[in-house]
Amino acid sequence: MFIQPWDAALDDAEWQNWLADGHDFGQLCVNGPSGRPPVVVPTHFAPDDGRLLIHLARPNPVWKAIEHDPNVTFTVIGDYAFIPGPWRAKPDTPPTDGVPTSYYAAVQFTCRAHIIDDPGTKADLLRRQMAHFQPDGDHAPVDPDEPPYCRMLPGIRGLRLDVIDVRAKFKYDDHKPVEHRTAVADRLTRRGQGLDIPTARQQLHRLDRVGTWSP
């Protein structure tokens, strides 16, 4: 992932807070065996003290790829929108001369994958995921020896991703003047399609922190 200086996360807290704000679905990318394309699996995940916790169905083809190579990448993307060229045209140029771009936030994890098959350890992984996704506890106890989970645990495998490196990108034209970014956020809000509203919100959040970017 190419990151311009003005697109970089301001600190670790920025990408961590962004993930905590409901961005817990991404793509697991695993190297396939020699000569085969990578395996890419969309899935929810739960962050857990420097690790990402996932579970997938036992028949999923990702397992063979992980057994072949446990070095994986997990990517989360959100708050994205297409920005038309006229919105980015300089004040002294025709609107049609503006160059379009994409706005987005992305966090990319480089990880070492560990497959979990032990029933008790899988149950613990599911309990940790449930604590993240259903913190009110409105679910049956996850017990490997009691229903309903004792019947379902054999059908899944757990996956613990130990995070080795994190790269985060917030691409919102932070190298352009404050007035330009404010105007684009307003246009996004008025257009209101797809993820325009959260994209505008993210741009204004960066605007408050970055101001006018300088090297």
C-alpha atoms as a PDB file:
ATOM      1  CA  MET A   1       0.000   0.000   0.000  1.00  0.00           C
ATOM      2  CA  PHE A   2       1.557   3.271  -1.160  1.00  0.00           C
ATOM      3  CA  ILE A   3       1.282   6.034   1.466  1.00  0.00           C
ATOM      4  CA  GLN A   4       2.071   9.668   0.742  1.00  0.00           C
ATOM      5  CA  PRO A   5       3.397  11.607   3.768  1.00  0.00           C
ATOM      6  CA  TRP A   6       0.129  13.571   4.058  1.00  0.00           C
ATOM      7  CA  ASP A   7      -1.937  10.365   3.947  1.00  0.00           C
ATOM      8  CA  ALA A   8      -0.170   8.675   6.856  1.00  0.00           C
ATOM      9  CA  ALA A   9      -1.856   8.096  10.193  1.00  0.00           C
ATOM     10  CA  LEU A  10      -0.973  10.863  12.624  1.00  0.00           C
ATOM     11  CA  ASP A  11      -0.307   8.289  15.345  1.00  0.00           C
ATOM     12  CA  ASP A  12      -1.285   4.740  16.328  1.00  0.00           C
ATOM     13  CA  ALA A  13      -4.312   6.044  18.202  1.00  0.00           C
ATOM     14  CA  GLU A  14      -5.843   7.333  14.950  1.00  0.00           C
ATOM     15  CA  TRP A  15      -6.084   3.964  13.229  1.00  0.00           C
ATOM     16  CA  GLN A  16      -6.902   2.174  16.489  1.00  0.00           C
ATOM     17  CA  ASN A  17      -9.812   4.528  17.185  1.00  0.00           C
ATOM     18  CA  TRP A  18     -10.977   4.210  13.572  1.00  0.00           C
ATOM     19  CA  LEU A  19     -11.103   0.422  13.876  1.00  0.00           C
ATOM     20  CA  ALA A  20     -12.902   0.674  17.215  1.00  0.00           C
ATOM     21  CA  ASP A  21     -15.563   2.844  15.583  1.00  0.00           C
ATOM     22  CA  GLY A  22     -17.227  -0.166  13.953  1.00  0.00           C
ATOM     23  CA  HIS A  23     -14.611  -1.055  11.335  1.00  0.00           C
ATOM     24  CA  ASP A  24     -14.240  -4.745  12.149  1.00  0.00           C
ATOM     25  CA  PHE A  25     -14.762  -6.396   8.756  1.00  0.00           C
ATOM     26  CA  GLY A  26     -11.933  -6.934   6.298  1.00  0.00           C
ATOM     27  CA  GLN A  27     -10.194  -9.258   3.880  1.00  0.00           C
ATOM     28  CA  LEU A  28      -7.763 -12.011   4.794  1.00  0.00           C
ATOM     29  CA  CYS A  29      -5.192 -12.437   2.009  1.00  0.00           C
ATOM     30  CA  VAL A  30      -3.122 -15.628   1.979  1.00  0.00           C
ATOM     31  CA  ASN A  31      -0.425 -16.779  -0.430  1.00  0.00           C
ATOM     32  CA  GLY A  32      -1.590 -19.743  -2.480  1.00  0.00           C
ATOM     33  CA  PRO A  33       0.593 -22.755  -3.288  1.00  0.00           C
ATOM     34  CA  SER A  34       3.189 -22.213  -6.025  1.00  0.00           C
ATOM     35  CA  GLY A  35       1.575 -21.126  -9.259  1.00  0.00           C
ATOM     36  CA  ARG A  36      -1.839 -20.485  -7.715  1.00  0.00           C
ATOM     37  CA  PRO A  37      -3.383 -17.044  -7.078  1.00  0.00           C
ATOM     38  CA  PRO A  38      -3.728 -15.712  -3.521  1.00  0.00           C
ATOM     39  CA  VAL A  39      -6.761 -16.782  -1.489  1.00  0.00           C
ATOM     40  CA  VAL A  40      -8.847 -13.799  -0.318  1.00  0.00           C
ATOM     41  CA  VAL A  41     -11.536 -14.258   2.342  1.00  0.00           C
ATOM     42  CA  PRO A  42     -13.911 -11.478   3.510  1.00  0.00           C
ATOM     43  CA  THR A  43     -14.637 -11.851   7.226  1.00  0.00           C
ATOM     44  CA  HIS A  44     -15.335 -10.152  10.531  1.00  0.00           C
ATOM     45  CA  PHE A  45     -12.499 -10.060  13.057  1.00  0.00           C
ATOM     46  CA  ALA A  46     -12.043  -9.131  16.689  1.00  0.00           C
ATOM     47  CA  PRO A  47      -8.918  -7.260  17.824  1.00  0.00           C
ATOM     48  CA  ASP A  48      -7.338  -8.825  20.890  1.00  0.00           C
ATOM     49  CA  ASP A  49      -4.189  -7.321  22.413  1.00  0.00           C
ATOM     50  CA  GLY A  50      -1.961  -7.270  19.348  1.00  0.00           C
ATOM     51  CA  ARG A  51      -3.796 -10.105  17.632  1.00  0.00           C
ATOM     52  CA  LEU A  52      -6.766 -10.504  15.313  1.00  0.00           C
ATOM     53  CA  LEU A  53      -9.209 -13.312  16.072  1.00  0.00           C
ATOM     54  CA  ILE A  54     -11.155 -15.008  13.275  1.00  0.00           C
ATOM     55  CA  HIS A  55     -13.081 -18.226  12.767  1.00  0.00           C
ATOM     56  CA  LEU A  56     -14.064 -19.770   9.455  1.00  0.00           C
ATOM     57  CA  ALA A  57     -15.867 -22.860   8.219  1.00  0.00           C
ATOM     58  CA  ARG A  58     -13.753 -25.999   8.112  1.00  0.00           C
ATOM     59  CA  PRO A  59     -14.315 -26.513   4.333  1.00  0.00           C
ATOM     60  CA  ASN A  60     -12.930 -23.040   3.550  1.00  0.00           C
ATOM     61  CA  PRO A  61     -10.059 -23.313   1.023  1.00  0.00           C
ATOM     62  CA  VAL A  62      -8.007 -20.800   3.011  1.00  0.00           C
ATOM     63  CA  TRP A  63      -6.710 -23.499   5.377  1.00  0.00           C
ATOM     64  CA  LYS A  64      -4.540 -25.232   2.790  1.00  0.00           C
ATOM     65  CA  ALA A  65      -3.067 -21.879   1.780  1.00  0.00           C
ATOM     66  CA  ILE A  66      -2.253 -20.993   5.412  1.00  0.00           C
ATOM     67  CA  GLU A  67      -0.682 -24.394   5.995  1.00  0.00           C
ATOM     68  CA  HIS A  68       1.453 -23.710   2.912  1.00  0.00           C
ATOM     69  CA  ASP A  69       2.445 -20.229   4.101  1.00  0.00           C
ATOM     70  CA  PRO A  70       1.315 -18.739   7.456  1.00  0.00           C
ATOM     71  CA  ASN A  71       2.504 -15.229   6.530  1.00  0.00           C
ATOM     72  CA  VAL A  72      -0.695 -13.339   5.711  1.00  0.00           C
ATOM     73  CA  THR A  73      -2.095  -9.859   5.193  1.00  0.00           C
ATOM     74  CA  PHE A  74      -5.368  -8.592   6.627  1.00  0.00           C
ATOM     75  CA  THR A  75      -6.829  -5.381   5.210  1.00  0.00           C
ATOM     76  CA  VAL A  76      -9.683  -3.195   6.450  1.00  0.00           C
ATOM     77  CA  ILE A  77     -11.088  -0.488   4.149  1.00  0.00           C
ATOM     78  CA  GLY A  78     -13.848   2.025   4.806  1.00  0.00           C
ATOM     79  CA  ASP A  79     -15.100   5.619   4.610  1.00  0.00           C
ATOM     80  CA  TYR A  80     -14.471   5.703   0.868  1.00  0.00           C
ATOM     81  CA  ALA A  81     -15.932   7.815  -1.923  1.00  0.00           C
ATOM     82  CA  PHE A  82     -15.177   8.830  -5.492  1.00  0.00           C
ATOM     83  CA  ILE A  83     -14.309  12.534  -5.806  1.00  0.00           C
ATOM     84  CA  PRO A  84     -15.169  13.976  -9.275  1.00  0.00           C
ATOM     85  CA  GLY A  85     -12.619  16.069 -11.128  1.00  0.00           C
ATOM     86  CA  PRO A  86     -14.605  19.349 -11.003  1.00  0.00           C
ATOM     87  CA  TRP A  87     -14.601  19.193  -7.207  1.00  0.00           C
ATOM     88  CA  ARG A  88     -10.785  19.284  -7.207  1.00  0.00           C
ATOM     89  CA  ALA A  89     -10.175  21.885  -9.910  1.00  0.00           C
ATOM     90  CA  LYS A  90      -7.994  24.799  -8.882  1.00  0.00           C
ATOM     91  CA  PRO A  91      -9.770  28.155  -8.634  1.00  0.00           C
ATOM     92  CA  ASP A  92      -8.030  29.559 -11.727  1.00  0.00           C
ATOM     93  CA  THR A  93      -8.731  26.566 -14.005  1.00  0.00           C
ATOM     94  CA  PRO A  94     -11.854  25.243 -15.793  1.00  0.00           C
ATOM     95  CA  PRO A  95     -13.786  22.688 -13.652  1.00  0.00           C
ATOM     96  CA  THR A  96     -13.269  20.046 -16.341  1.00  0.00           C
ATOM     97  CA  ASP A  97      -9.505  20.289 -15.822  1.00  0.00           C
ATOM     98  CA  GLY A  98      -9.823  18.954 -12.295  1.00  0.00           C
ATOM     99  CA  VAL A  99      -8.366  15.502 -11.672  1.00  0.00           C
ATOM    100  CA  PRO A 100     -10.646  12.997  -9.912  1.00  0.00           C
ATOM    101  CA  THR A 101      -9.483  10.816  -7.046  1.00  0.00           C
ATOM    102  CA  SER A 102     -10.652   8.367  -4.409  1.00  0.00           C
ATOM    103  CA  TYR A 103     -10.902   9.099  -0.704  1.00  0.00           C
ATOM    104  CA  TYR A 104     -10.598   6.185   1.725  1.00  0.00           C
ATOM    105  CA  ALA A 105      -9.242   4.920   4.998  1.00  0.00           C
ATOM    106  CA  ALA A 106      -7.311   1.649   5.090  1.00  0.00           C
ATOM    107  CA  VAL A 107      -5.469  -0.317   7.739  1.00  0.00           C
ATOM    108  CA  GLN A 108      -3.246  -3.158   6.601  1.00  0.00           C
ATOM    109  CA  PHE A 109      -1.884  -5.770   8.997  1.00  0.00           C
ATOM    110  CA  THR A 110       1.050  -8.052   8.284  1.00  0.00           C
ATOM    111  CA  CYS A 111       0.521 -11.159  10.412  1.00  0.00           C
ATOM    112  CA  ARG A 112       1.658 -14.650  11.274  1.00  0.00           C
ATOM    113  CA  ALA A 113      -1.317 -17.006  11.240  1.00  0.00           C
ATOM    114  CA  HIS A 114      -1.929 -19.781  13.775  1.00  0.00           C
ATOM    115  CA  ILE A 115      -4.674 -22.340  13.175  1.00  0.00           C
ATOM    116  CA  ILE A 116      -6.684 -23.392  16.239  1.00  0.00           C
ATOM    117  CA  ASP A 117      -8.371 -26.813  16.335  1.00  0.00           C
ATOM    118  CA  ASP A 118      -8.449 -27.635  20.047  1.00  0.00           C
ATOM    119  CA  PRO A 119     -12.121 -27.418  21.158  1.00  0.00           C
ATOM    120  CA  GLY A 120     -11.395 -25.576  24.389  1.00  0.00           C
ATOM    121  CA  THR A 121      -9.131 -23.034  22.685  1.00  0.00           C
ATOM    122  CA  LYS A 122     -11.668 -22.536  19.893  1.00  0.00           C
ATOM    123  CA  ALA A 123     -14.361 -21.929  22.501  1.00  0.00           C
ATOM    124  CA  ASP A 124     -12.156 -19.325  24.187  1.00  0.00           C
ATOM    125  CA  LEU A 125     -11.601 -17.606  20.827  1.00  0.00           C
ATOM    126  CA  LEU A 126     -15.364 -17.516  20.212  1.00  0.00           C
ATOM    127  CA  ARG A 127     -15.972 -16.086  23.694  1.00  0.00           C
ATOM    128  CA  ARG A 128     -13.528 -13.290  22.935  1.00  0.00           C
ATOM    129  CA  GLN A 129     -15.235 -12.613  19.610  1.00  0.00           C
ATOM    130  CA  MET A 130     -18.645 -12.594  21.293  1.00  0.00           C
ATOM    131  CA  ALA A 131     -17.376 -10.122  23.882  1.00  0.00           C
ATOM    132  CA  HIS A 132     -16.516  -7.819  20.982  1.00  0.00           C
ATOM    133  CA  PHE A 133     -19.608  -8.300  18.805  1.00  0.00           C
ATOM    134  CA  GLN A 134     -22.250  -9.004  21.461  1.00  0.00           C
ATOM    135  CA  PRO A 135     -20.948  -7.260  24.586  1.00  0.00           C
ATOM    136  CA  ASP A 136     -24.404  -7.444  26.235  1.00  0.00           C
ATOM    137  CA  GLY A 137     -23.899 -11.188  26.561  1.00  0.00           C
ATOM    138  CA  ASP A 138     -27.171 -12.020  24.805  1.00  0.00           C
ATOM    139  CA  HIS A 139     -26.044 -15.483  23.698  1.00  0.00           C
ATOM    140  CA  ALA A 140     -25.762 -18.996  25.068  1.00  0.00           C
ATOM    141  CA  PRO A 141     -22.562 -19.855  26.951  1.00  0.00           C
ATOM    142  CA  VAL A 142     -19.789 -20.908  24.572  1.00  0.00           C
ATOM    143  CA  ASP A 143     -18.920 -24.274  26.110  1.00  0.00           C
ATOM    144  CA  PRO A 144     -17.244 -27.031  24.079  1.00  0.00           C
ATOM    145  CA  ASP A 145     -19.107 -29.671  26.113  1.00  0.00           C
ATOM    146  CA  GLU A 146     -22.593 -28.128  26.194  1.00  0.00           C
ATOM    147  CA  PRO A 147     -25.170 -27.306  23.503  1.00  0.00           C
ATOM    148  CA  PRO A 148     -25.553 -25.462  21.273  1.00  0.00           C
ATOM    149  CA  TYR A 149     -21.841 -24.848  20.642  1.00  0.00           C
ATOM    150  CA  CYS A 150     -20.629 -28.397  21.347  1.00  0.00           C
ATOM    151  CA  ARG A 151     -22.423 -29.481  18.170  1.00  0.00           C
ATOM    152  CA  MET A 152     -21.110 -26.629  16.028  1.00  0.00           C
ATOM    153  CA  LEU A 153     -17.478 -26.272  17.091  1.00  0.00           C
ATOM    154  CA  PRO A 154     -16.271 -29.222  14.964  1.00  0.00           C
ATOM    155  CA  GLY A 155     -17.530 -27.394  11.855  1.00  0.00           C
ATOM    156  CA  ILE A 156     -15.168 -24.442  12.274  1.00  0.00           C
ATOM    157  CA  ARG A 157     -11.494 -23.738  12.779  1.00  0.00           C
ATOM    158  CA  GLY A 158     -10.133 -20.802  14.717  1.00  0.00           C
ATOM    159  CA  LEU A 159      -7.477 -18.456  13.424  1.00  0.00           C
ATOM    160  CA  ARG A 160      -5.220 -16.243  15.504  1.00  0.00           C
ATOM    161  CA  LEU A 161      -3.288 -13.618  13.583  1.00  0.00           C
ATOM    162  CA  ASP A 162      -0.272 -12.318  15.487  1.00  0.00           C
ATOM    163  CA  VAL A 163       0.294  -8.785  14.189  1.00  0.00           C
ATOM    164  CA  ILE A 164       3.841  -8.107  13.027  1.00  0.00           C
ATOM    165  CA  ASP A 165       3.359  -4.735  11.345  1.00  0.00           C
ATOM    166  CA  VAL A 166       0.582  -2.194  10.786  1.00  0.00           C
ATOM    167  CA  ARG A 167       0.324   0.331   7.951  1.00  0.00           C
ATOM    168  CA  ALA A 168      -2.500   2.858   7.952  1.00  0.00           C
ATOM    169  CA  LYS A 169      -3.600   5.316   5.284  1.00  0.00           C
ATOM    170  CA  PHE A 170      -6.149   8.128   5.449  1.00  0.00           C
ATOM    171  CA  LYS A 171      -6.418   9.554   1.931  1.00  0.00           C
ATOM    172  CA  TYR A 172      -8.445  12.778   2.169  1.00  0.00           C
ATOM    173  CA  ASP A 173      -6.451  15.434   0.262  1.00  0.00           C
ATOM    174  CA  ASP A 174      -4.684  16.633   3.406  1.00  0.00           C
ATOM    175  CA  HIS A 175      -2.024  18.311   1.255  1.00  0.00           C
ATOM    176  CA  LYS A 176      -4.628  20.725  -0.137  1.00  0.00           C
ATOM    177  CA  PRO A 177      -5.832  23.987   1.471  1.00  0.00           C
ATOM    178  CA  VAL A 178      -8.333  23.920   4.312  1.00  0.00           C
ATOM    179  CA  GLU A 179     -10.886  25.747   2.180  1.00  0.00           C
ATOM    180  CA  HIS A 180     -10.699  23.081  -0.528  1.00  0.00           C
ATOM    181  CA  ARG A 181     -11.156  20.193   1.902  1.00  0.00           C
ATOM    182  CA  THR A 182     -14.024  21.921   3.655  1.00  0.00           C
ATOM    183  CA  ALA A 183     -15.768  22.472   0.315  1.00  0.00           C
ATOM    184  CA  VAL A 184     -15.334  18.821  -0.698  1.00  0.00           C
ATOM    185  CA  ALA A 185     -16.722  17.618   2.638  1.00  0.00           C
ATOM    186  CA  ASP A 186     -19.747  19.857   2.078  1.00  0.00           C
ATOM    187  CA  ARG A 187     -20.247  18.445  -1.440  1.00  0.00           C
ATOM    188  CA  LEU A 188     -20.021  14.900  -0.107  1.00  0.00           C
ATOM    189  CA  THR A 189     -22.613  15.662   2.554  1.00  0.00           C
ATOM    190  CA  ARG A 190     -24.985  17.140   0.001  1.00  0.00           C
ATOM    191  CA  ARG A 191     -24.468  14.277  -2.482  1.00  0.00           C
ATOM    192  CA  GLY A 192     -25.144  11.724   0.250  1.00  0.00           C
ATOM    193  CA  GLN A 193     -24.567   8.552  -1.760  1.00  0.00           C
ATOM    194  CA  GLY A 194     -23.030   5.326  -0.485  1.00  0.00           C
ATOM    195  CA  LEU A 195     -20.407   6.186   2.138  1.00  0.00           C
ATOM    196  CA  ASP A 196     -20.339   9.923   1.321  1.00  0.00           C
ATOM    197  CA  ILE A 197     -21.484  10.972   4.810  1.00  0.00           C
ATOM    198  CA  PRO A 198     -18.898   8.979   6.820  1.00  0.00           C
ATOM    199  CA  THR A 199     -16.244  10.002   4.262  1.00  0.00           C
ATOM    200  CA  ALA A 200     -17.069  13.680   4.827  1.00  0.00           C
ATOM    201  CA  ARG A 201     -17.008  13.097   8.572  1.00  0.00           C
ATOM    202  CA  GLN A 202     -13.591  11.472   8.346  1.00  0.00           C
ATOM    203  CA  GLN A 203     -12.247  14.285   6.181  1.00  0.00           C
ATOM    204  CA  LEU A 204     -13.435  16.911   8.671  1.00  0.00           C
ATOM    205  CA  HIS A 205     -11.934  14.885  11.516  1.00  0.00           C
ATOM    206  CA  ARG A 206      -8.585  14.948   9.752  1.00  0.00           C
ATOM    207  CA  LEU A 207      -9.068  18.638   8.956  1.00  0.00           C
ATOM    208  CA  ASP A 208      -9.369  19.430  12.651  1.00  0.00           C
ATOM    209  CA  ARG A 209      -6.124  17.594  13.401  1.00  0.00           C
ATOM    210  CA  VAL A 210      -3.999  18.264  10.344  1.00  0.00           C
ATOM    211  CA  GLY A 211      -4.946  21.823   9.361  1.00  0.00           C
ATOM    212  CA  THR A 212      -2.650  22.736   6.483  1.00  0.00           C
ATOM    213  CA  TRP A 213      -0.153  19.956   5.823  1.00  0.00           C
ATOM    214  CA  SER A 214       3.523  20.811   5.686  1.00  0.00           C
ATOM    215  CA  PRO A 215       6.570  18.547   5.305  1.00  0.00           C
END
